[in-house]
Amino acid sequence: MKRIYHVTEVFWKKFYALPDDQKHLLRQAWVKFQSDPFDPTLGTHKIRVLSVRAGQPIYSVVIEKDLRVLFVMKGATITSFEFGTHSIYR
């Protein structure tokens, strides 16, 4: 199945505010993510609390120790909409 990837405007604004080293890590993870969002090296996992609140599965990808990216999947469409520390899970 061919996937379609979207990134929200809020995501991009936050991305450009990151330090260069974190941008680099996020770009590296993005390459893997586009190949397979559930690549074991990404540590992708479902965030149950957010999924219940949203009424749909919300997933997180680990970029580094305390930098996560949240995304949703609707069929073949994957939308990355937020990233940050564990505080984004609240």
C-alpha atoms as a PDB file:
ATOM      1  CA  MET A   1       0.000   0.000   0.000  1.00  0.00           C
ATOM      2  CA  LYS A   2       1.356   3.409  -0.985  1.00  0.00           C
ATOM      3  CA  ARG A   3       1.184   5.857   1.901  1.00  0.00           C
ATOM      4  CA  ILE A   4       0.461   9.564   1.715  1.00  0.00           C
ATOM      5  CA  TYR A   5       2.244  11.742   4.272  1.00  0.00           C
ATOM      6  CA  HIS A   6       1.050  15.086   5.598  1.00  0.00           C
ATOM      7  CA  VAL A   7       2.564  17.429   8.163  1.00  0.00           C
ATOM      8  CA  THR A   8       0.537  20.196   9.780  1.00  0.00           C
ATOM      9  CA  GLU A   9       1.492  23.869   9.720  1.00  0.00           C
ATOM     10  CA  VAL A  10       1.908  23.833  13.510  1.00  0.00           C
ATOM     11  CA  PHE A  11       4.378  20.974  13.142  1.00  0.00           C
ATOM     12  CA  TRP A  12       6.485  22.939  10.633  1.00  0.00           C
ATOM     13  CA  LYS A  13       6.515  26.078  12.786  1.00  0.00           C
ATOM     14  CA  LYS A  14       7.794  24.076  15.743  1.00  0.00           C
ATOM     15  CA  PHE A  15      10.284  22.217  13.541  1.00  0.00           C
ATOM     16  CA  TYR A  16      11.944  25.410  12.334  1.00  0.00           C
ATOM     17  CA  ALA A  17      12.302  26.571  15.950  1.00  0.00           C
ATOM     18  CA  LEU A  18      14.317  23.463  16.903  1.00  0.00           C
ATOM     19  CA  PRO A  19      18.078  23.564  17.401  1.00  0.00           C
ATOM     20  CA  ASP A  20      20.013  22.275  14.380  1.00  0.00           C
ATOM     21  CA  ASP A  21      21.020  19.007  16.061  1.00  0.00           C
ATOM     22  CA  GLN A  22      17.391  18.090  16.768  1.00  0.00           C
ATOM     23  CA  LYS A  23      16.358  19.059  13.234  1.00  0.00           C
ATOM     24  CA  HIS A  24      19.028  16.683  11.960  1.00  0.00           C
ATOM     25  CA  LEU A  25      17.744  13.828  14.149  1.00  0.00           C
ATOM     26  CA  LEU A  26      14.169  14.491  13.068  1.00  0.00           C
ATOM     27  CA  ARG A  27      15.154  14.458   9.396  1.00  0.00           C
ATOM     28  CA  GLN A  28      16.977  11.141   9.846  1.00  0.00           C
ATOM     29  CA  ALA A  29      13.938   9.626  11.548  1.00  0.00           C
ATOM     30  CA  TRP A  30      11.676  11.015   8.802  1.00  0.00           C
ATOM     31  CA  VAL A  31      13.530   8.984   6.161  1.00  0.00           C
ATOM     32  CA  LYS A  32      12.935   5.769   8.140  1.00  0.00           C
ATOM     33  CA  PHE A  33       9.366   6.813   8.951  1.00  0.00           C
ATOM     34  CA  GLN A  34       8.477   7.259   5.282  1.00  0.00           C
ATOM     35  CA  SER A  35       9.820   3.804   4.533  1.00  0.00           C
ATOM     36  CA  ASP A  36       8.026   2.175   7.487  1.00  0.00           C
ATOM     37  CA  PRO A  37       6.273   4.151  10.265  1.00  0.00           C
ATOM     38  CA  PHE A  38       6.557   1.063  12.475  1.00  0.00           C
ATOM     39  CA  ASP A  39      10.279   0.442  11.926  1.00  0.00           C
ATOM     40  CA  PRO A  40      11.447  -1.004  15.263  1.00  0.00           C
ATOM     41  CA  THR A  41      14.271   1.545  15.528  1.00  0.00           C
ATOM     42  CA  LEU A  42      11.670   4.348  15.716  1.00  0.00           C
ATOM     43  CA  GLY A  43      10.047   2.954  18.862  1.00  0.00           C
ATOM     44  CA  THR A  44       6.588   3.643  17.421  1.00  0.00           C
ATOM     45  CA  HIS A  45       3.838   3.023  19.945  1.00  0.00           C
ATOM     46  CA  LYS A  46       0.188   3.869  20.497  1.00  0.00           C
ATOM     47  CA  ILE A  47      -0.590   6.534  23.105  1.00  0.00           C
ATOM     48  CA  ARG A  48      -3.665   5.078  24.767  1.00  0.00           C
ATOM     49  CA  VAL A  49      -4.811   8.132  26.733  1.00  0.00           C
ATOM     50  CA  LEU A  50      -4.660  10.420  23.682  1.00  0.00           C
ATOM     51  CA  SER A  51      -6.256   7.750  21.492  1.00  0.00           C
ATOM     52  CA  VAL A  52      -9.237   7.465  23.838  1.00  0.00           C
ATOM     53  CA  ARG A  53      -9.652  11.250  23.975  1.00  0.00           C
ATOM     54  CA  ALA A  54      -9.354  11.610  20.193  1.00  0.00           C
ATOM     55  CA  GLY A  55     -11.555   8.625  19.393  1.00  0.00           C
ATOM     56  CA  GLN A  56      -8.867   7.304  17.034  1.00  0.00           C
ATOM     57  CA  PRO A  57      -5.415   5.777  17.412  1.00  0.00           C
ATOM     58  CA  ILE A  58      -2.660   8.312  18.108  1.00  0.00           C
ATOM     59  CA  TYR A  59       0.893   7.044  17.677  1.00  0.00           C
ATOM     60  CA  SER A  60       4.243   8.334  18.865  1.00  0.00           C
ATOM     61  CA  VAL A  61       7.691   7.974  17.298  1.00  0.00           C
ATOM     62  CA  VAL A  62      10.795   8.370  19.456  1.00  0.00           C
ATOM     63  CA  ILE A  63      13.304  10.809  17.931  1.00  0.00           C
ATOM     64  CA  GLU A  64      15.589  11.031  20.955  1.00  0.00           C
ATOM     65  CA  LYS A  65      15.298  10.537  24.709  1.00  0.00           C
ATOM     66  CA  ASP A  66      12.744  13.297  25.228  1.00  0.00           C
ATOM     67  CA  LEU A  67      11.617  14.234  21.717  1.00  0.00           C
ATOM     68  CA  ARG A  68       8.554  12.539  20.294  1.00  0.00           C
ATOM     69  CA  VAL A  69       6.447  12.990  17.151  1.00  0.00           C
ATOM     70  CA  LEU A  70       2.715  12.266  17.217  1.00  0.00           C
ATOM     71  CA  PHE A  71       0.819  11.034  14.186  1.00  0.00           C
ATOM     72  CA  VAL A  72      -2.514   9.569  13.105  1.00  0.00           C
ATOM     73  CA  MET A  73      -3.289   7.114  10.336  1.00  0.00           C
ATOM     74  CA  LYS A  74      -6.479   7.150   8.286  1.00  0.00           C
ATOM     75  CA  GLY A  75      -6.217   4.449   5.677  1.00  0.00           C
ATOM     76  CA  ALA A  76      -3.112   5.165   3.627  1.00  0.00           C
ATOM     77  CA  THR A  77      -2.851   8.753   4.898  1.00  0.00           C
ATOM     78  CA  ILE A  78      -0.488   9.510   7.772  1.00  0.00           C
ATOM     79  CA  THR A  79      -0.526  12.949   9.368  1.00  0.00           C
ATOM     80  CA  SER A  80       2.213  14.112  11.734  1.00  0.00           C
ATOM     81  CA  PHE A  81       0.661  16.864  13.799  1.00  0.00           C
ATOM     82  CA  GLU A  82       2.718  17.505  16.919  1.00  0.00           C
ATOM     83  CA  PHE A  83       6.078  16.910  18.526  1.00  0.00           C
ATOM     84  CA  GLY A  84       7.813  17.718  21.749  1.00  0.00           C
ATOM     85  CA  THR A  85       8.627  16.204  25.130  1.00  0.00           C
ATOM     86  CA  HIS A  86       6.412  13.756  27.035  1.00  0.00           C
ATOM     87  CA  SER A  87       4.261  16.757  27.962  1.00  0.00           C
ATOM     88  CA  ILE A  88       2.545  16.463  24.545  1.00  0.00           C
ATOM     89  CA  TYR A  89       0.843  13.320  25.861  1.00  0.00           C
ATOM     90  CA  ARG A  90      -1.292  15.402  28.210  1.00  0.00           C
END
